[in-house]
Amino acid sequence: MTEEQNTAELQKIVQELQIIRSQIQTFSSQSSEYSLTMDSLESQNPDKPVYRSVGNLLLEVDDREKLFQELSESKLNIENHLKLLIEREESLREKYEELVAAFESQ
């Protein structure tokens, strides 16, 4: 690879790393929010109503177990996607380090 190609490839990787880092932060926050919601749902007095936001409405939840299951599934999906993003980030970091080493040895 020429020096110009290495530089372009490095810039591309840095940009992708920045995007992935932002996505990782977003999905981590969402996972934490789901955990907090699930903890709150479990600790809520069963005699008190629980509401769910649907668009611009707050609707009372009839089946707390079903809601908890839906929240669990959503959290699991987020965590799976987060895992893939982290793996991609690690792969990009390795590629970045390889390119930097090749760039420095020129």
C-alpha atoms as a PDB file:
ATOM      1  CA  MET A   1       0.000   0.000   0.000  1.00  0.00           C
ATOM      2  CA  THR A   2       1.175   3.493  -0.729  1.00  0.00           C
ATOM      3  CA  GLU A   3       1.450   6.095   1.999  1.00  0.00           C
ATOM      4  CA  GLU A   4      -1.585   7.869   0.577  1.00  0.00           C
ATOM      5  CA  GLN A   5      -3.658   4.655   0.631  1.00  0.00           C
ATOM      6  CA  ASN A   6      -2.544   3.955   4.211  1.00  0.00           C
ATOM      7  CA  THR A   7      -3.557   7.441   5.284  1.00  0.00           C
ATOM      8  CA  ALA A   8      -6.960   7.131   3.618  1.00  0.00           C
ATOM      9  CA  GLU A   9      -7.509   3.699   5.183  1.00  0.00           C
ATOM     10  CA  LEU A  10      -6.506   5.012   8.622  1.00  0.00           C
ATOM     11  CA  GLN A  11      -8.936   7.911   8.318  1.00  0.00           C
ATOM     12  CA  LYS A  12     -11.720   5.551   7.285  1.00  0.00           C
ATOM     13  CA  ILE A  13     -11.048   3.289  10.269  1.00  0.00           C
ATOM     14  CA  VAL A  14     -10.895   6.229  12.682  1.00  0.00           C
ATOM     15  CA  GLN A  15     -14.254   7.494  11.409  1.00  0.00           C
ATOM     16  CA  GLU A  16     -15.832   4.051  11.735  1.00  0.00           C
ATOM     17  CA  LEU A  17     -14.374   3.672  15.234  1.00  0.00           C
ATOM     18  CA  GLN A  18     -15.934   6.996  16.239  1.00  0.00           C
ATOM     19  CA  ILE A  19     -19.326   5.933  14.889  1.00  0.00           C
ATOM     20  CA  ILE A  20     -19.144   2.551  16.609  1.00  0.00           C
ATOM     21  CA  ARG A  21     -18.031   4.131  19.908  1.00  0.00           C
ATOM     22  CA  SER A  22     -21.060   6.434  19.756  1.00  0.00           C
ATOM     23  CA  GLN A  23     -23.362   3.473  19.050  1.00  0.00           C
ATOM     24  CA  ILE A  24     -21.807   1.500  21.908  1.00  0.00           C
ATOM     25  CA  GLN A  25     -22.502   4.378  24.290  1.00  0.00           C
ATOM     26  CA  THR A  26     -26.087   4.673  23.054  1.00  0.00           C
ATOM     27  CA  PHE A  27     -26.811   0.952  23.372  1.00  0.00           C
ATOM     28  CA  SER A  28     -25.105   0.784  26.783  1.00  0.00           C
ATOM     29  CA  SER A  29     -27.356   3.593  28.000  1.00  0.00           C
ATOM     30  CA  GLN A  30     -30.412   1.832  26.620  1.00  0.00           C
ATOM     31  CA  SER A  31     -29.418  -1.416  28.329  1.00  0.00           C
ATOM     32  CA  SER A  32     -28.989   0.411  31.628  1.00  0.00           C
ATOM     33  CA  GLU A  33     -32.357   2.072  31.165  1.00  0.00           C
ATOM     34  CA  TYR A  34     -34.021  -1.309  30.587  1.00  0.00           C
ATOM     35  CA  SER A  35     -32.346  -2.694  33.714  1.00  0.00           C
ATOM     36  CA  LEU A  36     -33.583   0.245  35.771  1.00  0.00           C
ATOM     37  CA  THR A  37     -37.090  -0.120  34.344  1.00  0.00           C
ATOM     38  CA  MET A  38     -37.161  -3.847  35.070  1.00  0.00           C
ATOM     39  CA  ASP A  39     -35.857  -3.317  38.623  1.00  0.00           C
ATOM     40  CA  SER A  40     -38.502  -0.660  39.203  1.00  0.00           C
ATOM     41  CA  LEU A  41     -41.221  -2.916  37.848  1.00  0.00           C
ATOM     42  CA  GLU A  42     -40.165  -5.740  40.171  1.00  0.00           C
ATOM     43  CA  SER A  43     -40.024  -3.491  43.217  1.00  0.00           C
ATOM     44  CA  GLN A  44     -43.334  -1.748  42.462  1.00  0.00           C
ATOM     45  CA  ASN A  45     -46.172  -2.651  44.812  1.00  0.00           C
ATOM     46  CA  PRO A  46     -48.374  -5.133  42.887  1.00  0.00           C
ATOM     47  CA  ASP A  47     -51.482  -3.264  44.049  1.00  0.00           C
ATOM     48  CA  LYS A  48     -50.416  -0.056  42.327  1.00  0.00           C
ATOM     49  CA  PRO A  49     -51.059   0.389  38.622  1.00  0.00           C
ATOM     50  CA  VAL A  50     -48.209   0.366  36.113  1.00  0.00           C
ATOM     51  CA  TYR A  51     -48.406   2.383  32.917  1.00  0.00           C
ATOM     52  CA  ARG A  52     -46.714   2.005  29.586  1.00  0.00           C
ATOM     53  CA  SER A  53     -46.099   4.773  27.100  1.00  0.00           C
ATOM     54  CA  VAL A  54     -47.569   4.079  23.677  1.00  0.00           C
ATOM     55  CA  GLY A  55     -47.017   7.023  21.374  1.00  0.00           C
ATOM     56  CA  ASN A  56     -48.503  10.041  23.140  1.00  0.00           C
ATOM     57  CA  LEU A  57     -50.606   7.915  25.507  1.00  0.00           C
ATOM     58  CA  LEU A  58     -49.970   6.288  28.859  1.00  0.00           C
ATOM     59  CA  LEU A  59     -51.862   3.022  29.033  1.00  0.00           C
ATOM     60  CA  GLU A  60     -52.345   0.945  32.143  1.00  0.00           C
ATOM     61  CA  VAL A  61     -50.640  -2.443  31.985  1.00  0.00           C
ATOM     62  CA  ASP A  62     -52.835  -5.436  32.751  1.00  0.00           C
ATOM     63  CA  ASP A  63     -50.178  -8.157  32.522  1.00  0.00           C
ATOM     64  CA  ARG A  64     -46.990  -7.224  34.380  1.00  0.00           C
ATOM     65  CA  GLU A  65     -45.332 -10.560  33.631  1.00  0.00           C
ATOM     66  CA  LYS A  66     -45.832 -10.058  29.908  1.00  0.00           C
ATOM     67  CA  LEU A  67     -44.440  -6.522  30.182  1.00  0.00           C
ATOM     68  CA  PHE A  68     -41.423  -7.796  32.110  1.00  0.00           C
ATOM     69  CA  GLN A  69     -40.854 -10.492  29.475  1.00  0.00           C
ATOM     70  CA  GLU A  70     -41.054  -7.921  26.666  1.00  0.00           C
ATOM     71  CA  LEU A  71     -38.587  -5.686  28.494  1.00  0.00           C
ATOM     72  CA  SER A  72     -36.256  -8.651  29.034  1.00  0.00           C
ATOM     73  CA  GLU A  73     -36.367  -9.586  25.358  1.00  0.00           C
ATOM     74  CA  SER A  74     -35.707  -6.008  24.280  1.00  0.00           C
ATOM     75  CA  LYS A  75     -32.800  -5.744  26.687  1.00  0.00           C
ATOM     76  CA  LEU A  76     -31.366  -9.029  25.426  1.00  0.00           C
ATOM     77  CA  ASN A  77     -31.606  -7.815  21.819  1.00  0.00           C
ATOM     78  CA  ILE A  78     -29.802  -4.614  22.739  1.00  0.00           C
ATOM     79  CA  GLU A  79     -27.102  -6.527  24.614  1.00  0.00           C
ATOM     80  CA  ASN A  80     -26.593  -8.883  21.651  1.00  0.00           C
ATOM     81  CA  HIS A  81     -26.235  -5.944  19.294  1.00  0.00           C
ATOM     82  CA  LEU A  82     -23.894  -4.268  21.768  1.00  0.00           C
ATOM     83  CA  LYS A  83     -21.734  -7.389  21.850  1.00  0.00           C
ATOM     84  CA  LEU A  84     -21.466  -7.335  18.047  1.00  0.00           C
ATOM     85  CA  LEU A  85     -20.518  -3.653  18.107  1.00  0.00           C
ATOM     86  CA  ILE A  86     -17.804  -4.297  20.690  1.00  0.00           C
ATOM     87  CA  GLU A  87     -16.422  -7.167  18.604  1.00  0.00           C
ATOM     88  CA  ARG A  88     -16.401  -4.923  15.529  1.00  0.00           C
ATOM     89  CA  GLU A  89     -14.657  -2.186  17.509  1.00  0.00           C
ATOM     90  CA  GLU A  90     -11.948  -4.617  18.633  1.00  0.00           C
ATOM     91  CA  SER A  91     -11.455  -5.810  15.061  1.00  0.00           C
ATOM     92  CA  LEU A  92     -11.147  -2.239  13.814  1.00  0.00           C
ATOM     93  CA  ARG A  93      -8.671  -1.375  16.561  1.00  0.00           C
ATOM     94  CA  GLU A  94      -6.493  -4.319  15.550  1.00  0.00           C
ATOM     95  CA  LYS A  95      -6.651  -3.246  11.894  1.00  0.00           C
ATOM     96  CA  TYR A  96      -5.811   0.312  12.935  1.00  0.00           C
ATOM     97  CA  GLU A  97      -2.760  -0.832  14.892  1.00  0.00           C
ATOM     98  CA  GLU A  98      -1.587  -2.950  11.944  1.00  0.00           C
ATOM     99  CA  LEU A  99      -1.902   0.005   9.580  1.00  0.00           C
ATOM    100  CA  VAL A 100      -0.107   2.332  11.980  1.00  0.00           C
ATOM    101  CA  ALA A 101       2.745  -0.165  12.293  1.00  0.00           C
ATOM    102  CA  ALA A 102       2.947  -0.503   8.495  1.00  0.00           C
ATOM    103  CA  PHE A 103       2.790   3.274   8.117  1.00  0.00           C
ATOM    104  CA  GLU A 104       5.605   3.789  10.641  1.00  0.00           C
ATOM    105  CA  SER A 105       7.822   1.166   8.980  1.00  0.00           C
ATOM    106  CA  GLN A 106       7.700   2.909   5.604  1.00  0.00           C
END
